[in-house]
C-alpha cells in the first residue's frame, strides 16, 4: 500500500475505509468505548478475537459509515 494520493494508471483505487468514533457527554463523565466501523463483518486480523471482551466496539456496514442504528446502539448500550 502507498500513502501517495497520485493516480497510477492500470491500478484500482484503494477502497479500504474505517470510521472511528470517540464519544462522551459534555462534561466528560460518561465516556463510551472507542467505536470502529469497517466494511467487513469479521476482519481477517481479528478473526480469532472475542468481540465481547475486545476493548473497542466494532460494527460493520457496506460503506463503513456511521448510521442511525449504530449510533442508537452506542448511546443506549
C-alpha atoms as a PDB file:
ATOM      1  CA  UNK A   1       0.000   0.000   0.000  1.00  0.00           C
ATOM      2  CA  UNK A   2       1.090   3.534  -0.578  1.00  0.00           C
ATOM      3  CA  UNK A   3       0.420   6.819   1.167  1.00  0.00           C
ATOM      4  CA  UNK A   4       0.620   8.769  -2.075  1.00  0.00           C
ATOM      5  CA  UNK A   5      -2.568  10.330  -3.443  1.00  0.00           C
ATOM      6  CA  UNK A   6      -1.348  10.338  -7.061  1.00  0.00           C
ATOM      7  CA  UNK A   7      -3.258   8.240  -9.574  1.00  0.00           C
ATOM      8  CA  UNK A   8      -1.358   5.336 -11.017  1.00  0.00           C
ATOM      9  CA  UNK A   9      -2.573   4.117 -14.378  1.00  0.00           C
ATOM     10  CA  UNK A  10      -3.612   0.494 -14.509  1.00  0.00           C
ATOM     11  CA  UNK A  11      -4.304   0.232 -10.777  1.00  0.00           C
ATOM     12  CA  UNK A  12      -7.622   0.222  -8.968  1.00  0.00           C
ATOM     13  CA  UNK A  13      -8.349   2.921  -6.446  1.00  0.00           C
ATOM     14  CA  UNK A  14      -7.921   1.652  -2.876  1.00  0.00           C
ATOM     15  CA  UNK A  15     -11.361   1.389  -1.282  1.00  0.00           C
ATOM     16  CA  UNK A  16     -10.396   0.456   2.259  1.00  0.00           C
ATOM     17  CA  UNK A  17     -12.216   2.556   4.789  1.00  0.00           C
ATOM     18  CA  UNK A  18     -12.621   2.757   8.570  1.00  0.00           C
ATOM     19  CA  UNK A  19     -14.609   5.177  10.677  1.00  0.00           C
ATOM     20  CA  UNK A  20     -13.565   5.900  14.269  1.00  0.00           C
ATOM     21  CA  UNK A  21     -15.852   7.447  16.890  1.00  0.00           C
ATOM     22  CA  UNK A  22     -14.869   8.740  20.325  1.00  0.00           C
ATOM     23  CA  UNK A  23     -17.986   9.665  22.243  1.00  0.00           C
ATOM     24  CA  UNK A  24     -18.647  11.250  25.634  1.00  0.00           C
ATOM     25  CA  UNK A  25     -21.079  13.705  27.176  1.00  0.00           C
ATOM     26  CA  UNK A  26     -20.252  17.423  27.508  1.00  0.00           C
ATOM     27  CA  UNK A  27     -18.588  17.247  30.934  1.00  0.00           C
ATOM     28  CA  UNK A  28     -16.735  14.001  30.205  1.00  0.00           C
ATOM     29  CA  UNK A  29     -18.332  11.939  32.964  1.00  0.00           C
ATOM     30  CA  UNK A  30     -19.883   9.405  30.568  1.00  0.00           C
ATOM     31  CA  UNK A  31     -17.248   8.101  28.179  1.00  0.00           C
ATOM     32  CA  UNK A  32     -18.030   5.339  25.700  1.00  0.00           C
ATOM     33  CA  UNK A  33     -15.661   2.743  24.281  1.00  0.00           C
ATOM     34  CA  UNK A  34     -13.809   3.648  21.124  1.00  0.00           C
ATOM     35  CA  UNK A  35     -16.040   2.639  18.232  1.00  0.00           C
ATOM     36  CA  UNK A  36     -14.680   1.422  14.913  1.00  0.00           C
ATOM     37  CA  UNK A  37     -16.850   0.910  11.841  1.00  0.00           C
ATOM     38  CA  UNK A  38     -15.470  -1.122   8.969  1.00  0.00           C
ATOM     39  CA  UNK A  39     -16.704  -2.878   5.858  1.00  0.00           C
ATOM     40  CA  UNK A  40     -16.005  -6.478   6.937  1.00  0.00           C
ATOM     41  CA  UNK A  41     -18.231  -8.305   9.399  1.00  0.00           C
ATOM     42  CA  UNK A  42     -15.164 -10.105  10.748  1.00  0.00           C
ATOM     43  CA  UNK A  43     -11.833  -8.621   9.537  1.00  0.00           C
ATOM     44  CA  UNK A  44      -9.151 -11.235   8.939  1.00  0.00           C
ATOM     45  CA  UNK A  45      -6.687  -9.838  11.508  1.00  0.00           C
ATOM     46  CA  UNK A  46      -9.458 -10.072  14.144  1.00  0.00           C
ATOM     47  CA  UNK A  47     -10.901 -13.456  13.135  1.00  0.00           C
ATOM     48  CA  UNK A  48      -9.922 -15.145  16.422  1.00  0.00           C
ATOM     49  CA  UNK A  49     -10.893 -12.171  18.585  1.00  0.00           C
ATOM     50  CA  UNK A  50     -13.714 -12.344  21.108  1.00  0.00           C
ATOM     51  CA  UNK A  51     -15.559  -9.073  20.453  1.00  0.00           C
ATOM     52  CA  UNK A  52     -17.328  -9.321  23.837  1.00  0.00           C
ATOM     53  CA  UNK A  53     -14.012  -8.743  25.660  1.00  0.00           C
ATOM     54  CA  UNK A  54     -12.422  -6.567  22.966  1.00  0.00           C
ATOM     55  CA  UNK A  55     -11.633  -3.032  24.272  1.00  0.00           C
ATOM     56  CA  UNK A  56     -13.122  -1.484  21.104  1.00  0.00           C
ATOM     57  CA  UNK A  57     -16.703  -1.738  19.844  1.00  0.00           C
ATOM     58  CA  UNK A  58     -16.660  -2.898  16.234  1.00  0.00           C
ATOM     59  CA  UNK A  59     -19.514  -2.507  13.754  1.00  0.00           C
ATOM     60  CA  UNK A  60     -19.698  -3.139  10.044  1.00  0.00           C
ATOM     61  CA  UNK A  61     -21.718  -1.946   7.093  1.00  0.00           C
ATOM     62  CA  UNK A  62     -21.244  -1.709   3.335  1.00  0.00           C
ATOM     63  CA  UNK A  63     -19.624   1.752   3.320  1.00  0.00           C
ATOM     64  CA  UNK A  64     -18.085   1.823   6.831  1.00  0.00           C
ATOM     65  CA  UNK A  65     -20.231   4.830   7.733  1.00  0.00           C
ATOM     66  CA  UNK A  66     -21.922   5.821  10.977  1.00  0.00           C
ATOM     67  CA  UNK A  67     -25.617   5.014  10.704  1.00  0.00           C
ATOM     68  CA  UNK A  68     -28.525   5.923  12.961  1.00  0.00           C
ATOM     69  CA  UNK A  69     -28.800   2.266  14.024  1.00  0.00           C
ATOM     70  CA  UNK A  70     -25.132   2.143  15.089  1.00  0.00           C
ATOM     71  CA  UNK A  71     -25.381   5.497  16.888  1.00  0.00           C
ATOM     72  CA  UNK A  72     -28.513   4.351  18.705  1.00  0.00           C
ATOM     73  CA  UNK A  73     -26.766   1.150  19.824  1.00  0.00           C
ATOM     74  CA  UNK A  74     -23.766   3.118  21.100  1.00  0.00           C
ATOM     75  CA  UNK A  75     -25.900   5.609  23.043  1.00  0.00           C
ATOM     76  CA  UNK A  76     -28.245   3.003  24.549  1.00  0.00           C
ATOM     77  CA  UNK A  77     -25.546   0.483  25.489  1.00  0.00           C
END
